[in-house]
């Protein structure tokens, strides 16, 4: 037995500790990924001035049933494309008001070279 591992009790089937550690690893991975996404969005808001001056970031986050789409299966690409077009049609009026109604101000760098 490796150090740090408790012996299995009669009520635990073989592999129970492995199953628990696998589930725990998946939960920890999801936690770290959610933290990274939250941090990236916060950084983007600071860089763009979203938190102070104006709304500069729109997060459009489609949800799907777990297992519906996988990285290794291209069979649902046309379905994902159709969902993207439908979501774009829904979001476009709001985005037009903020980005496409008037020409953008001329860019002036904060620091001169």
Protein backbone atom coordinates (compact mmCIF):
# COMPACT_ATOMS: atom_id res chain seq x y z
CA UNK A 1 0.00 0.00 0.00
CA UNK A 2 1.30 3.49 -0.88
CA UNK A 3 1.85 6.04 1.87
CA UNK A 4 -1.18 8.21 2.55
CA UNK A 5 -3.71 5.63 1.39
CA UNK A 6 -6.04 3.98 3.82
CA UNK A 7 -6.79 0.29 3.40
CA UNK A 8 -10.15 -0.51 1.86
CA UNK A 9 -12.84 -1.47 4.30
CA UNK A 10 -15.03 -4.49 3.59
CA UNK A 11 -17.87 -2.17 2.53
CA UNK A 12 -15.74 -0.47 -0.16
CA UNK A 13 -15.44 -2.27 -3.47
CA UNK A 14 -12.03 -2.45 -5.13
CA UNK A 15 -11.37 0.74 -7.06
CA UNK A 16 -13.56 2.89 -4.78
CA UNK A 17 -10.68 5.18 -3.83
CA UNK A 18 -9.71 5.56 -7.48
CA UNK A 19 -13.30 6.46 -8.42
CA UNK A 20 -13.44 9.02 -5.63
CA UNK A 21 -10.11 10.58 -6.59
CA UNK A 22 -11.17 10.72 -10.27
CA UNK A 23 -14.42 12.48 -9.36
CA UNK A 24 -12.55 14.84 -7.06
CA UNK A 25 -10.03 15.65 -9.79
CA UNK A 26 -12.84 16.48 -12.22
CA UNK A 27 -14.46 18.78 -9.64
CA UNK A 28 -11.17 20.53 -8.92
CA UNK A 29 -10.51 20.95 -12.65
CA UNK A 30 -13.95 22.55 -13.14
CA UNK A 31 -13.28 24.85 -10.19
CA UNK A 32 -9.94 26.00 -11.58
CA UNK A 33 -11.40 26.50 -15.07
CA UNK A 34 -14.27 28.59 -13.68
CA UNK A 35 -11.78 30.67 -11.69
CA UNK A 36 -9.63 31.22 -14.75
CA UNK A 37 -12.65 32.28 -16.85
CA UNK A 38 -13.80 34.69 -14.13
CA UNK A 39 -10.31 36.16 -13.85
CA UNK A 40 -9.95 36.57 -17.63
CA UNK A 41 -13.30 38.38 -17.85
CA UNK A 42 -12.31 40.66 -14.96
CA UNK A 43 -8.99 41.48 -16.61
CA UNK A 44 -10.71 42.23 -19.92
CA UNK A 45 -13.14 44.59 -18.15
CA UNK A 46 -10.27 46.49 -16.52
CA UNK A 47 -8.31 46.76 -19.77
CA UNK A 48 -11.30 47.99 -21.79
CA UNK A 49 -12.64 50.35 -19.13
CA UNK A 50 -15.88 48.38 -18.94
CA UNK A 51 -16.09 48.73 -15.17
CA UNK A 52 -15.67 52.53 -15.17
CA UNK A 53 -16.61 54.39 -18.33
CA UNK A 54 -18.82 52.35 -20.60
CA UNK A 55 -20.07 48.88 -21.39
CA UNK A 56 -17.38 47.37 -23.59
CA UNK A 57 -17.78 43.63 -23.12
CA UNK A 58 -20.75 41.44 -23.90
CA UNK A 59 -20.55 37.84 -22.82
CA UNK A 60 -22.79 35.60 -24.86
CA UNK A 61 -22.72 32.18 -23.28
CA UNK A 62 -24.87 29.49 -24.82
CA UNK A 63 -25.62 26.51 -22.65
CA UNK A 64 -26.21 23.01 -23.95
CA UNK A 65 -27.11 19.71 -22.39
CA UNK A 66 -24.09 17.95 -20.94
CA UNK A 67 -22.54 15.62 -23.49
CA UNK A 68 -24.41 17.15 -26.45
CA UNK A 69 -21.21 18.49 -28.01
CA UNK A 70 -17.75 17.03 -27.65
CA UNK A 71 -14.36 18.16 -28.89
CA UNK A 72 -13.77 14.96 -30.83
CA UNK A 73 -17.10 14.77 -32.67
CA UNK A 74 -17.70 16.97 -35.69
CA UNK A 75 -21.13 15.45 -36.35
CA UNK A 76 -23.02 18.36 -34.77
CA UNK A 77 -21.15 21.23 -36.40
CA UNK A 78 -24.11 22.26 -38.58
CA UNK A 79 -26.34 22.28 -35.48
CA UNK A 80 -23.84 24.48 -33.62
CA UNK A 81 -23.65 26.82 -36.63
CA UNK A 82 -27.44 27.12 -36.71
CA UNK A 83 -27.53 27.90 -32.98
CA UNK A 84 -24.83 30.54 -33.50
CA UNK A 85 -26.80 32.23 -36.30
CA UNK A 86 -29.97 32.23 -34.19
CA UNK A 87 -28.13 33.73 -31.21
CA UNK A 88 -26.47 36.34 -33.44
CA UNK A 89 -29.87 37.44 -34.78
CA UNK A 90 -31.07 37.84 -31.20
CA UNK A 91 -28.01 39.79 -30.01
CA UNK A 92 -27.43 41.96 -33.10
CA UNK A 93 -29.89 44.80 -32.26
CA UNK A 94 -28.15 45.46 -28.92
CA UNK A 95 -24.69 45.24 -30.42
CA UNK A 96 -25.67 47.58 -33.27
CA UNK A 97 -26.72 50.26 -30.76
CA UNK A 98 -23.29 50.19 -29.14
CA UNK A 99 -20.92 49.48 -32.02
CA UNK A 100 -22.46 50.29 -35.40
CA UNK A 101 -24.63 53.41 -34.97
CA UNK A 102 -21.81 55.95 -35.28
CA UNK A 103 -18.19 56.01 -36.39
CA UNK A 104 -15.70 55.16 -33.66
CA UNK A 105 -13.67 57.91 -32.03
CA UNK A 106 -10.15 58.28 -33.33
CA UNK A 107 -7.72 56.13 -31.40
CA UNK A 108 -5.36 58.07 -29.18
CA UNK A 109 -2.75 55.98 -27.37
CA UNK A 110 -2.49 56.50 -23.63
CA UNK A 111 1.33 56.33 -23.71
CA UNK A 112 3.30 58.00 -26.47
CA UNK A 113 6.28 56.17 -27.93
